[in-house]
Amino acid sequence: MDQLDADILRRTQFPSSLMEERPTYYSIAKSMKQNPSTVRNRISKMKESGVLKDIVAIPDPGILNMKRIAVLLSCDYKTSEAIISEMGRFRSLMGIHRAVHSTIGLIMEFMYREEEELESDLKALKEISETVQIMMKVDFAPRCSVKDGKRYMNILDRIIRDPMAGIDEISKDIGINRKTTAKRIRELTHERAFYFEPALSSYMNSYGMLFILTIPVPDEQKEIMKTMMTGIMGESFLLMKDQFSGMLTFLGHTQNMHEMNLVRESLKEKLGTDELEPIVAFDSTWQYSLSMQNGIREIMGLGKEISELPQDL
């Protein structure tokens, strides 16, 4: 794997400061001034070599009235390995990040409709290890403001099945003209109706860092903080809220620990305080759940709804 591979991988993550539009072979190539066939071949070779497992498109929970939550676990390495090896047991699990430089062992992301689905998965977690402790449960604030979700379901379903597909491929497959397809994809992209995550092999520890930062500010200042974080990081963060403490929580992505510390120092300067909760850092190697990926259309109710939708919406 060389620098070109690494630069391509970073552009498969969306939204990010590197990509303003949905990552496809063409859009990634355009942003790097490369040939689309070069990007396609590089991604294929990374998959063949095992460096890249897949590129996963995850829908925003707001578009289908679902909930998304991150659960931070305190556990030792042996327990974290046991949990990762049993990922198929968790019906609503999206994926797992392993923590570094922290007493917290894992962050698990779930998407579900009913609380019973999450409780069932948390019960399965305790069955794997009784010693694991839940340190934080943070809700992801939905980004997508699209209300008429069914209007977009056939396109969203197609993107989930093949995240890198171009407009022509999607248009032909769903039977809607190219102009309408392109317009709706732009709307979904602009409204952040989905995000892309590269699922990498476990040894790809140099890919980047995720961090979680809790900030003790009241809800009425949420939009101010969101604007501030956007100014520092662009769109490379998600706004959440810790269910236990009620504090605002930001999940961000940087390329290394140095960049992460620069973000923290910038925030301290803008807030005029040193009283920031410690940053919890995670290796951004994402172990995605096969059960979630294989069943995501069923979980979202897409399969049935797509077949019932008129193709000329």
C-alpha atoms as a PDB file:
ATOM      1  CA  MET A   1       0.000   0.000   0.000  1.00  0.00           C
ATOM      2  CA  ASP A   2       1.456   3.383  -1.027  1.00  0.00           C
ATOM      3  CA  GLN A   3       0.537   7.041  -0.563  1.00  0.00           C
ATOM      4  CA  LEU A   4      -1.861   7.013  -3.518  1.00  0.00           C
ATOM      5  CA  ASP A   5      -3.793   4.117  -1.936  1.00  0.00           C
ATOM      6  CA  ALA A   6      -3.947   5.980   1.387  1.00  0.00           C
ATOM      7  CA  ASP A   7      -5.181   9.167  -0.310  1.00  0.00           C
ATOM      8  CA  ILE A   8      -7.897   7.216  -2.134  1.00  0.00           C
ATOM      9  CA  LEU A   9      -9.010   5.521   1.104  1.00  0.00           C
ATOM     10  CA  ARG A  10      -9.360   8.858   2.866  1.00  0.00           C
ATOM     11  CA  ARG A  11     -11.642  10.047   0.086  1.00  0.00           C
ATOM     12  CA  THR A  12     -13.957   7.055   0.443  1.00  0.00           C
ATOM     13  CA  GLN A  13     -15.034   8.484   3.793  1.00  0.00           C
ATOM     14  CA  PHE A  14     -17.947  10.887   3.506  1.00  0.00           C
ATOM     15  CA  PRO A  15     -18.709  13.521   4.635  1.00  0.00           C
ATOM     16  CA  SER A  16     -15.161  14.769   5.095  1.00  0.00           C
ATOM     17  CA  SER A  17     -13.040  17.818   4.415  1.00  0.00           C
ATOM     18  CA  LEU A  18     -11.618  16.049   1.343  1.00  0.00           C
ATOM     19  CA  MET A  19     -14.905  15.257  -0.429  1.00  0.00           C
ATOM     20  CA  GLU A  20     -17.788  17.659  -1.021  1.00  0.00           C
ATOM     21  CA  GLU A  21     -19.777  15.172  -3.115  1.00  0.00           C
ATOM     22  CA  ARG A  22     -20.637  11.488  -2.852  1.00  0.00           C
ATOM     23  CA  PRO A  23     -17.497   9.371  -3.332  1.00  0.00           C
ATOM     24  CA  THR A  24     -17.557   7.508  -6.634  1.00  0.00           C
ATOM     25  CA  TYR A  25     -14.667   6.371  -8.794  1.00  0.00           C
ATOM     26  CA  TYR A  26     -15.184   9.474 -10.917  1.00  0.00           C
ATOM     27  CA  SER A  27     -15.542  12.038  -8.093  1.00  0.00           C
ATOM     28  CA  ILE A  28     -12.529  10.648  -6.207  1.00  0.00           C
ATOM     29  CA  ALA A  29     -10.462  10.683  -9.393  1.00  0.00           C
ATOM     30  CA  LYS A  30     -11.527  14.263 -10.131  1.00  0.00           C
ATOM     31  CA  SER A  31     -10.539  15.433  -6.632  1.00  0.00           C
ATOM     32  CA  MET A  32      -7.095  13.825  -7.047  1.00  0.00           C
ATOM     33  CA  LYS A  33      -6.591  14.639 -10.761  1.00  0.00           C
ATOM     34  CA  GLN A  34      -6.344  10.925 -11.501  1.00  0.00           C
ATOM     35  CA  ASN A  35      -8.036   8.677 -14.037  1.00  0.00           C
ATOM     36  CA  PRO A  36     -11.244   6.965 -12.767  1.00  0.00           C
ATOM     37  CA  SER A  37      -9.902   3.596 -13.958  1.00  0.00           C
ATOM     38  CA  THR A  38      -6.839   4.126 -11.746  1.00  0.00           C
ATOM     39  CA  VAL A  39      -9.051   4.686  -8.704  1.00  0.00           C
ATOM     40  CA  ARG A  40     -11.209   1.665  -9.561  1.00  0.00           C
ATOM     41  CA  ASN A  41      -8.157  -0.583 -10.048  1.00  0.00           C
ATOM     42  CA  ARG A  42      -6.523   0.606  -6.835  1.00  0.00           C
ATOM     43  CA  ILE A  43      -9.669  -0.040  -4.799  1.00  0.00           C
ATOM     44  CA  SER A  44     -10.042  -3.495  -6.396  1.00  0.00           C
ATOM     45  CA  LYS A  45      -6.448  -4.383  -5.546  1.00  0.00           C
ATOM     46  CA  MET A  46      -6.859  -3.193  -1.942  1.00  0.00           C
ATOM     47  CA  LYS A  47      -9.898  -5.465  -1.633  1.00  0.00           C
ATOM     48  CA  GLU A  48      -8.036  -8.402  -3.176  1.00  0.00           C
ATOM     49  CA  SER A  49      -5.076  -7.930  -0.834  1.00  0.00           C
ATOM     50  CA  GLY A  50      -7.336  -7.721   2.217  1.00  0.00           C
ATOM     51  CA  VAL A  51      -6.386  -4.158   3.152  1.00  0.00           C
ATOM     52  CA  LEU A  52      -9.907  -2.954   2.351  1.00  0.00           C
ATOM     53  CA  LYS A  53     -12.834  -5.176   3.277  1.00  0.00           C
ATOM     54  CA  ASP A  54     -15.549  -3.002   1.809  1.00  0.00           C
ATOM     55  CA  ILE A  55     -16.902   0.522   1.461  1.00  0.00           C
ATOM     56  CA  VAL A  56     -20.138   0.755   3.390  1.00  0.00           C
ATOM     57  CA  ALA A  57     -22.914   3.310   2.867  1.00  0.00           C
ATOM     58  CA  ILE A  58     -24.827   3.918   6.091  1.00  0.00           C
ATOM     59  CA  PRO A  59     -28.124   5.851   5.880  1.00  0.00           C
ATOM     60  CA  ASP A  60     -28.861   8.684   8.273  1.00  0.00           C
ATOM     61  CA  PRO A  61     -31.358   7.390  10.858  1.00  0.00           C
ATOM     62  CA  GLY A  62     -33.553  10.465  10.441  1.00  0.00           C
ATOM     63  CA  ILE A  63     -34.676   9.635   6.918  1.00  0.00           C
ATOM     64  CA  LEU A  64     -36.570   6.522   8.120  1.00  0.00           C
ATOM     65  CA  ASN A  65     -37.322   7.573  11.700  1.00  0.00           C
ATOM     66  CA  MET A  66     -34.698   5.242  13.137  1.00  0.00           C
ATOM     67  CA  LYS A  67     -32.305   5.840  16.024  1.00  0.00           C
ATOM     68  CA  ARG A  68     -28.532   5.607  16.018  1.00  0.00           C
ATOM     69  CA  ILE A  69     -26.472   5.299  19.160  1.00  0.00           C
ATOM     70  CA  ALA A  70     -22.832   4.781  20.125  1.00  0.00           C
ATOM     71  CA  VAL A  71     -22.060   2.676  23.201  1.00  0.00           C
ATOM     72  CA  LEU A  72     -18.611   3.093  24.742  1.00  0.00           C
ATOM     73  CA  LEU A  73     -17.387   0.033  26.594  1.00  0.00           C
ATOM     74  CA  SER A  74     -14.706  -0.457  29.216  1.00  0.00           C
ATOM     75  CA  CYS A  75     -13.099  -3.853  28.644  1.00  0.00           C
ATOM     76  CA  ASP A  76      -9.709  -5.499  28.300  1.00  0.00           C
ATOM     77  CA  TYR A  77      -8.167  -6.623  25.022  1.00  0.00           C
ATOM     78  CA  LYS A  78      -9.255 -10.257  25.407  1.00  0.00           C
ATOM     79  CA  THR A  79     -12.869  -9.220  25.952  1.00  0.00           C
ATOM     80  CA  SER A  80     -12.797  -6.822  23.010  1.00  0.00           C
ATOM     81  CA  GLU A  81     -11.538  -9.657  20.789  1.00  0.00           C
ATOM     82  CA  ALA A  82     -14.360 -11.902  22.008  1.00  0.00           C
ATOM     83  CA  ILE A  83     -16.958  -9.213  21.243  1.00  0.00           C
ATOM     84  CA  ILE A  84     -15.568  -8.572  17.748  1.00  0.00           C
ATOM     85  CA  SER A  85     -15.514 -12.300  16.982  1.00  0.00           C
ATOM     86  CA  GLU A  86     -19.223 -12.510  17.912  1.00  0.00           C
ATOM     87  CA  MET A  87     -20.389  -9.490  15.899  1.00  0.00           C
ATOM     88  CA  GLY A  88     -22.935 -11.613  14.065  1.00  0.00           C
ATOM     89  CA  ARG A  89     -24.983 -11.983  17.268  1.00  0.00           C
ATOM     90  CA  PHE A  90     -25.921  -8.299  17.321  1.00  0.00           C
ATOM     91  CA  ARG A  91     -28.890  -7.677  15.054  1.00  0.00           C
ATOM     92  CA  SER A  92     -28.745  -3.874  15.036  1.00  0.00           C
ATOM     93  CA  LEU A  93     -24.965  -3.454  15.247  1.00  0.00           C
ATOM     94  CA  MET A  94     -23.455  -1.282  12.512  1.00  0.00           C
ATOM     95  CA  GLY A  95     -19.796  -1.578  13.432  1.00  0.00           C
ATOM     96  CA  ILE A  96     -17.049  -1.402  16.035  1.00  0.00           C
ATOM     97  CA  HIS A  97     -14.004   0.809  16.608  1.00  0.00           C
ATOM     98  CA  ARG A  98     -11.217  -0.267  18.962  1.00  0.00           C
ATOM     99  CA  ALA A  99      -9.948   2.398  21.356  1.00  0.00           C
ATOM    100  CA  VAL A 100      -6.314   3.422  21.740  1.00  0.00           C
ATOM    101  CA  HIS A 101      -4.706   5.479  24.517  1.00  0.00           C
ATOM    102  CA  SER A 102      -7.795   5.038  26.677  1.00  0.00           C
ATOM    103  CA  THR A 103      -9.312   2.880  29.411  1.00  0.00           C
ATOM    104  CA  ILE A 104     -12.353   2.488  27.148  1.00  0.00           C
ATOM    105  CA  GLY A 105     -11.978  -0.614  25.012  1.00  0.00           C
ATOM    106  CA  LEU A 106     -14.554  -0.375  22.226  1.00  0.00           C
ATOM    107  CA  ILE A 107     -17.138   1.882  20.677  1.00  0.00           C
ATOM    108  CA  MET A 108     -20.115   0.026  19.195  1.00  0.00           C
ATOM    109  CA  GLU A 109     -22.563   1.742  16.859  1.00  0.00           C
ATOM    110  CA  PHE A 110     -26.180   0.545  16.675  1.00  0.00           C
ATOM    111  CA  MET A 111     -29.126   1.566  14.495  1.00  0.00           C
ATOM    112  CA  TYR A 112     -32.636   0.472  15.456  1.00  0.00           C
ATOM    113  CA  ARG A 113     -36.322   1.373  15.459  1.00  0.00           C
ATOM    114  CA  GLU A 114     -37.514  -0.014  18.788  1.00  0.00           C
ATOM    115  CA  GLU A 115     -35.752   0.160  22.152  1.00  0.00           C
ATOM    116  CA  GLU A 116     -36.305  -3.602  22.530  1.00  0.00           C
ATOM    117  CA  GLU A 117     -33.910  -4.207  19.634  1.00  0.00           C
ATOM    118  CA  LEU A 118     -31.104  -2.324  21.390  1.00  0.00           C
ATOM    119  CA  GLU A 119     -31.844  -3.935  24.759  1.00  0.00           C
ATOM    120  CA  SER A 120     -31.655  -7.371  23.133  1.00  0.00           C
ATOM    121  CA  ASP A 121     -28.210  -6.579  21.734  1.00  0.00           C
ATOM    122  CA  LEU A 122     -26.971  -5.177  25.052  1.00  0.00           C
ATOM    123  CA  LYS A 123     -28.186  -8.366  26.743  1.00  0.00           C
ATOM    124  CA  ALA A 124     -26.193 -10.408  24.210  1.00  0.00           C
ATOM    125  CA  LEU A 125     -23.184  -8.253  25.065  1.00  0.00           C
ATOM    126  CA  LYS A 126     -23.438  -9.233  28.736  1.00  0.00           C
ATOM    127  CA  GLU A 127     -23.731 -12.880  27.745  1.00  0.00           C
ATOM    128  CA  ILE A 128     -20.368 -12.642  26.014  1.00  0.00           C
ATOM    129  CA  SER A 129     -18.730 -11.007  29.029  1.00  0.00           C
ATOM    130  CA  GLU A 130     -20.219 -10.111  32.394  1.00  0.00           C
ATOM    131  CA  THR A 131     -17.244  -7.859  33.184  1.00  0.00           C
ATOM    132  CA  VAL A 132     -17.806  -5.397  30.345  1.00  0.00           C
ATOM    133  CA  GLN A 133     -19.016  -1.986  31.527  1.00  0.00           C
ATOM    134  CA  ILE A 134     -20.943   0.635  29.573  1.00  0.00           C
ATOM    135  CA  MET A 135     -19.211   3.983  30.136  1.00  0.00           C
ATOM    136  CA  MET A 136     -21.226   6.197  27.775  1.00  0.00           C
ATOM    137  CA  LYS A 137     -24.320   5.933  25.563  1.00  0.00           C
ATOM    138  CA  VAL A 138     -24.492   8.774  23.086  1.00  0.00           C
ATOM    139  CA  ASP A 139     -27.305   9.550  20.676  1.00  0.00           C
ATOM    140  CA  PHE A 140     -26.374  10.726  17.190  1.00  0.00           C
ATOM    141  CA  ALA A 141     -28.328  13.792  16.168  1.00  0.00           C
ATOM    142  CA  PRO A 142     -29.923  13.044  12.765  1.00  0.00           C
ATOM    143  CA  ARG A 143     -28.436  15.224  10.048  1.00  0.00           C
ATOM    144  CA  CYS A 144     -30.946  14.536   7.331  1.00  0.00           C
ATOM    145  CA  SER A 145     -33.927  16.896   7.094  1.00  0.00           C
ATOM    146  CA  VAL A 146     -35.619  15.008   4.248  1.00  0.00           C
ATOM    147  CA  LYS A 147     -39.210  14.339   5.316  1.00  0.00           C
ATOM    148  CA  ASP A 148     -40.658  12.540   2.311  1.00  0.00           C
ATOM    149  CA  GLY A 149     -38.302   9.594   2.752  1.00  0.00           C
ATOM    150  CA  LYS A 150     -40.163   7.121   0.529  1.00  0.00           C
ATOM    151  CA  ARG A 151     -39.617   9.366  -2.465  1.00  0.00           C
ATOM    152  CA  TYR A 152     -35.907   8.565  -2.285  1.00  0.00           C
ATOM    153  CA  MET A 153     -35.960   4.937  -1.145  1.00  0.00           C
ATOM    154  CA  ASN A 154     -35.147   3.292  -4.476  1.00  0.00           C
ATOM    155  CA  ILE A 155     -32.071   5.489  -4.939  1.00  0.00           C
ATOM    156  CA  LEU A 156     -30.988   5.096  -1.311  1.00  0.00           C
ATOM    157  CA  ASP A 157     -31.389   1.334  -1.573  1.00  0.00           C
ATOM    158  CA  ARG A 158     -29.234   1.259  -4.712  1.00  0.00           C
ATOM    159  CA  ILE A 159     -26.484   3.303  -3.030  1.00  0.00           C
ATOM    160  CA  ILE A 160     -26.495   0.969  -0.015  1.00  0.00           C
ATOM    161  CA  ARG A 161     -26.068  -2.030  -2.325  1.00  0.00           C
ATOM    162  CA  ASP A 162     -23.245  -0.388  -4.315  1.00  0.00           C
ATOM    163  CA  PRO A 163     -21.921   2.808  -2.671  1.00  0.00           C
ATOM    164  CA  MET A 164     -19.498   3.645  -5.492  1.00  0.00           C
ATOM    165  CA  ALA A 165     -22.017   3.291  -8.322  1.00  0.00           C
ATOM    166  CA  GLY A 166     -22.189   6.168 -10.796  1.00  0.00           C
ATOM    167  CA  ILE A 167     -25.339   8.058 -11.782  1.00  0.00           C
ATOM    168  CA  ASP A 168     -25.687   6.213 -15.085  1.00  0.00           C
ATOM    169  CA  GLU A 169     -25.530   2.817 -13.337  1.00  0.00           C
ATOM    170  CA  ILE A 170     -28.084   3.845 -10.711  1.00  0.00           C
ATOM    171  CA  SER A 171     -30.425   5.433 -13.253  1.00  0.00           C
ATOM    172  CA  LYS A 172     -30.424   2.337 -15.473  1.00  0.00           C
ATOM    173  CA  ASP A 173     -30.911  -0.051 -12.558  1.00  0.00           C
ATOM    174  CA  ILE A 174     -33.884   1.731 -10.938  1.00  0.00           C
ATOM    175  CA  GLY A 175     -35.568   2.751 -14.193  1.00  0.00           C
ATOM    176  CA  ILE A 176     -35.645   6.517 -13.593  1.00  0.00           C
ATOM    177  CA  ASN A 177     -34.202   8.984 -16.106  1.00  0.00           C
ATOM    178  CA  ARG A 178     -30.678  10.254 -15.509  1.00  0.00           C
ATOM    179  CA  LYS A 179     -31.659  13.892 -14.852  1.00  0.00           C
ATOM    180  CA  THR A 180     -34.121  12.953 -12.079  1.00  0.00           C
ATOM    181  CA  THR A 181     -31.673  10.444 -10.593  1.00  0.00           C
ATOM    182  CA  ALA A 182     -28.876  13.013 -10.516  1.00  0.00           C
ATOM    183  CA  LYS A 183     -31.163  15.624  -8.926  1.00  0.00           C
ATOM    184  CA  ARG A 184     -32.278  13.286  -6.140  1.00  0.00           C
ATOM    185  CA  ILE A 185     -28.760  12.075  -5.431  1.00  0.00           C
ATOM    186  CA  ARG A 186     -27.654  15.715  -5.100  1.00  0.00           C
ATOM    187  CA  GLU A 187     -30.523  16.358  -2.691  1.00  0.00           C
ATOM    188  CA  LEU A 188     -29.679  13.293  -0.603  1.00  0.00           C
ATOM    189  CA  THR A 189     -25.988  14.217  -0.574  1.00  0.00           C
ATOM    190  CA  HIS A 190     -26.686  17.841   0.362  1.00  0.00           C
ATOM    191  CA  GLU A 191     -28.997  16.770   3.184  1.00  0.00           C
ATOM    192  CA  ARG A 192     -26.452  14.209   4.451  1.00  0.00           C
ATOM    193  CA  ALA A 193     -28.909  11.334   4.020  1.00  0.00           C
ATOM    194  CA  PHE A 194     -26.046   8.830   4.172  1.00  0.00           C
ATOM    195  CA  TYR A 195     -22.384   8.608   5.034  1.00  0.00           C
ATOM    196  CA  PHE A 196     -19.630   6.374   3.699  1.00  0.00           C
ATOM    197  CA  GLU A 197     -17.188   4.410   5.840  1.00  0.00           C
ATOM    198  CA  PRO A 198     -14.285   2.276   4.565  1.00  0.00           C
ATOM    199  CA  ALA A 199     -14.092  -1.003   6.487  1.00  0.00           C
ATOM    200  CA  LEU A 200     -10.398  -1.775   6.788  1.00  0.00           C
ATOM    201  CA  SER A 201      -8.347  -4.732   7.931  1.00  0.00           C
ATOM    202  CA  SER A 202      -7.466  -4.715  11.623  1.00  0.00           C
ATOM    203  CA  TYR A 203      -3.781  -4.009  10.980  1.00  0.00           C
ATOM    204  CA  MET A 204      -4.468  -0.672   9.277  1.00  0.00           C
ATOM    205  CA  ASN A 205      -3.719   1.293  12.442  1.00  0.00           C
ATOM    206  CA  SER A 206      -2.090   4.189  10.610  1.00  0.00           C
ATOM    207  CA  TYR A 207      -5.214   5.143   8.673  1.00  0.00           C
ATOM    208  CA  GLY A 208      -6.364   7.795  11.130  1.00  0.00           C
ATOM    209  CA  MET A 209      -7.908   8.599  14.490  1.00  0.00           C
ATOM    210  CA  LEU A 210     -11.432   9.019  15.760  1.00  0.00           C
ATOM    211  CA  PHE A 211     -11.948  11.068  18.869  1.00  0.00           C
ATOM    212  CA  ILE A 212     -14.793  11.752  21.249  1.00  0.00           C
ATOM    213  CA  LEU A 213     -14.897  15.088  23.025  1.00  0.00           C
ATOM    214  CA  THR A 214     -17.540  16.017  25.600  1.00  0.00           C
ATOM    215  CA  ILE A 215     -18.205  19.714  26.172  1.00  0.00           C
ATOM    216  CA  PRO A 216     -20.165  21.016  29.184  1.00  0.00           C
ATOM    217  CA  VAL A 217     -22.493  23.483  27.434  1.00  0.00           C
ATOM    218  CA  PRO A 218     -26.305  23.730  27.652  1.00  0.00           C
ATOM    219  CA  ASP A 219     -28.607  22.620  24.840  1.00  0.00           C
ATOM    220  CA  GLU A 220     -29.418  26.187  23.814  1.00  0.00           C
ATOM    221  CA  GLN A 221     -25.773  26.628  22.776  1.00  0.00           C
ATOM    222  CA  LYS A 222     -25.787  23.511  20.601  1.00  0.00           C
ATOM    223  CA  GLU A 223     -26.029  25.401  17.303  1.00  0.00           C
ATOM    224  CA  ILE A 224     -23.244  27.774  18.351  1.00  0.00           C
ATOM    225  CA  MET A 225     -20.983  24.820  19.143  1.00  0.00           C
ATOM    226  CA  LYS A 226     -21.938  23.116  15.897  1.00  0.00           C
ATOM    227  CA  THR A 227     -20.968  26.239  13.944  1.00  0.00           C
ATOM    228  CA  MET A 228     -17.701  26.437  15.835  1.00  0.00           C
ATOM    229  CA  MET A 229     -16.834  22.797  15.163  1.00  0.00           C
ATOM    230  CA  THR A 230     -17.707  23.242  11.476  1.00  0.00           C
ATOM    231  CA  GLY A 231     -15.281  26.158  11.306  1.00  0.00           C
ATOM    232  CA  ILE A 232     -12.513  24.018  12.804  1.00  0.00           C
ATOM    233  CA  MET A 233     -13.162  20.666  11.133  1.00  0.00           C
ATOM    234  CA  GLY A 234     -15.479  21.257   8.189  1.00  0.00           C
ATOM    235  CA  GLU A 235     -17.990  18.391   8.107  1.00  0.00           C
ATOM    236  CA  SER A 236     -15.620  15.818   9.653  1.00  0.00           C
ATOM    237  CA  PHE A 237     -17.583  15.408  12.879  1.00  0.00           C
ATOM    238  CA  LEU A 238     -20.920  14.215  14.248  1.00  0.00           C
ATOM    239  CA  LEU A 239     -22.905  15.868  17.021  1.00  0.00           C
ATOM    240  CA  MET A 240     -24.184  13.562  19.777  1.00  0.00           C
ATOM    241  CA  LYS A 241     -25.496  13.754  23.325  1.00  0.00           C
ATOM    242  CA  ASP A 242     -24.435  11.542  26.220  1.00  0.00           C
ATOM    243  CA  GLN A 243     -27.514   9.883  27.780  1.00  0.00           C
ATOM    244  CA  PHE A 244     -25.803   9.650  31.172  1.00  0.00           C
ATOM    245  CA  SER A 245     -24.307  13.137  31.624  1.00  0.00           C
ATOM    246  CA  GLY A 246     -26.479  15.064  29.173  1.00  0.00           C
ATOM    247  CA  MET A 247     -23.388  16.824  27.812  1.00  0.00           C
ATOM    248  CA  LEU A 248     -22.846  17.577  24.139  1.00  0.00           C
ATOM    249  CA  THR A 249     -20.453  15.121  22.553  1.00  0.00           C
ATOM    250  CA  PHE A 250     -18.557  15.384  19.288  1.00  0.00           C
ATOM    251  CA  LEU A 251     -17.246  12.437  17.292  1.00  0.00           C
ATOM    252  CA  GLY A 252     -14.574  13.628  14.893  1.00  0.00           C
ATOM    253  CA  HIS A 253     -11.977  12.188  12.517  1.00  0.00           C
ATOM    254  CA  THR A 254      -8.369  13.297  12.096  1.00  0.00           C
ATOM    255  CA  GLN A 255      -5.385  11.697  10.399  1.00  0.00           C
ATOM    256  CA  ASN A 256      -3.257  11.361  13.536  1.00  0.00           C
ATOM    257  CA  MET A 257      -2.883  12.263  17.221  1.00  0.00           C
ATOM    258  CA  HIS A 258      -1.144  15.550  16.376  1.00  0.00           C
ATOM    259  CA  GLU A 259      -4.093  16.797  14.329  1.00  0.00           C
ATOM    260  CA  MET A 260      -6.461  15.663  17.058  1.00  0.00           C
ATOM    261  CA  ASN A 261      -4.568  17.697  19.661  1.00  0.00           C
ATOM    262  CA  LEU A 262      -4.630  20.740  17.357  1.00  0.00           C
ATOM    263  CA  VAL A 263      -8.428  20.478  17.250  1.00  0.00           C
ATOM    264  CA  ARG A 264      -8.543  20.359  21.031  1.00  0.00           C
ATOM    265  CA  GLU A 265      -6.232  23.361  21.426  1.00  0.00           C
ATOM    266  CA  SER A 266      -8.262  25.342  18.894  1.00  0.00           C
ATOM    267  CA  LEU A 267     -11.457  24.602  20.830  1.00  0.00           C
ATOM    268  CA  LYS A 268      -9.868  25.588  24.147  1.00  0.00           C
ATOM    269  CA  GLU A 269      -8.769  28.876  22.629  1.00  0.00           C
ATOM    270  CA  LYS A 270     -12.187  29.663  21.122  1.00  0.00           C
ATOM    271  CA  LEU A 271     -14.024  28.668  24.314  1.00  0.00           C
ATOM    272  CA  GLY A 272     -11.526  30.496  26.529  1.00  0.00           C
ATOM    273  CA  THR A 273     -11.250  27.583  28.923  1.00  0.00           C
ATOM    274  CA  ASP A 274      -9.045  24.639  29.848  1.00  0.00           C
ATOM    275  CA  GLU A 275     -12.015  22.719  31.244  1.00  0.00           C
ATOM    276  CA  LEU A 276     -12.558  20.283  28.399  1.00  0.00           C
ATOM    277  CA  GLU A 277     -13.230  16.651  29.136  1.00  0.00           C
ATOM    278  CA  PRO A 278     -10.361  14.366  28.055  1.00  0.00           C
ATOM    279  CA  ILE A 279     -10.462  13.245  24.461  1.00  0.00           C
ATOM    280  CA  VAL A 280     -11.011   9.522  23.984  1.00  0.00           C
ATOM    281  CA  ALA A 281      -9.076   8.375  20.924  1.00  0.00           C
ATOM    282  CA  PHE A 282      -9.990   5.440  18.707  1.00  0.00           C
ATOM    283  CA  ASP A 283      -8.198   3.695  15.909  1.00  0.00           C
ATOM    284  CA  SER A 284     -10.384   4.516  12.912  1.00  0.00           C
ATOM    285  CA  THR A 285     -10.085   0.996  11.556  1.00  0.00           C
ATOM    286  CA  TRP A 286     -13.771   0.143  11.391  1.00  0.00           C
ATOM    287  CA  GLN A 287     -14.845  -3.481  11.895  1.00  0.00           C
ATOM    288  CA  TYR A 288     -18.238  -3.448  10.244  1.00  0.00           C
ATOM    289  CA  SER A 289     -20.942  -5.925  11.091  1.00  0.00           C
ATOM    290  CA  LEU A 290     -21.649  -8.456   8.364  1.00  0.00           C
ATOM    291  CA  SER A 291     -25.070  -9.113   9.868  1.00  0.00           C
ATOM    292  CA  MET A 292     -25.859  -5.409   9.669  1.00  0.00           C
ATOM    293  CA  GLN A 293     -24.552  -5.008   6.142  1.00  0.00           C
ATOM    294  CA  ASN A 294     -26.325  -8.108   4.852  1.00  0.00           C
ATOM    295  CA  GLY A 295     -29.558  -7.221   6.599  1.00  0.00           C
ATOM    296  CA  ILE A 296     -29.538  -3.435   6.416  1.00  0.00           C
ATOM    297  CA  ARG A 297     -32.289  -3.263   3.788  1.00  0.00           C
ATOM    298  CA  GLU A 298     -34.455  -5.601   5.856  1.00  0.00           C
ATOM    299  CA  ILE A 299     -33.768  -3.639   9.043  1.00  0.00           C
ATOM    300  CA  MET A 300     -34.750  -0.398   7.330  1.00  0.00           C
ATOM    301  CA  GLY A 301     -37.756  -2.016   5.696  1.00  0.00           C
ATOM    302  CA  LEU A 302     -36.355  -1.179   2.280  1.00  0.00           C
ATOM    303  CA  GLY A 303     -36.850  -4.473   0.475  1.00  0.00           C
ATOM    304  CA  LYS A 304     -40.646  -4.486   0.691  1.00  0.00           C
ATOM    305  CA  GLU A 305     -41.073  -0.757   0.253  1.00  0.00           C
ATOM    306  CA  ILE A 306     -38.929  -0.626  -2.885  1.00  0.00           C
ATOM    307  CA  SER A 307     -41.031  -3.233  -4.690  1.00  0.00           C
ATOM    308  CA  GLU A 308     -44.187  -1.259  -3.910  1.00  0.00           C
ATOM    309  CA  LEU A 309     -42.897   2.106  -5.110  1.00  0.00           C
ATOM    310  CA  PRO A 310     -43.900   3.369  -8.556  1.00  0.00           C
ATOM    311  CA  GLN A 311     -40.741   3.828 -10.599  1.00  0.00           C
ATOM    312  CA  ASP A 312     -41.752   7.252 -11.954  1.00  0.00           C
ATOM    313  CA  LEU A 313     -41.927   9.044  -8.598  1.00  0.00           C
END
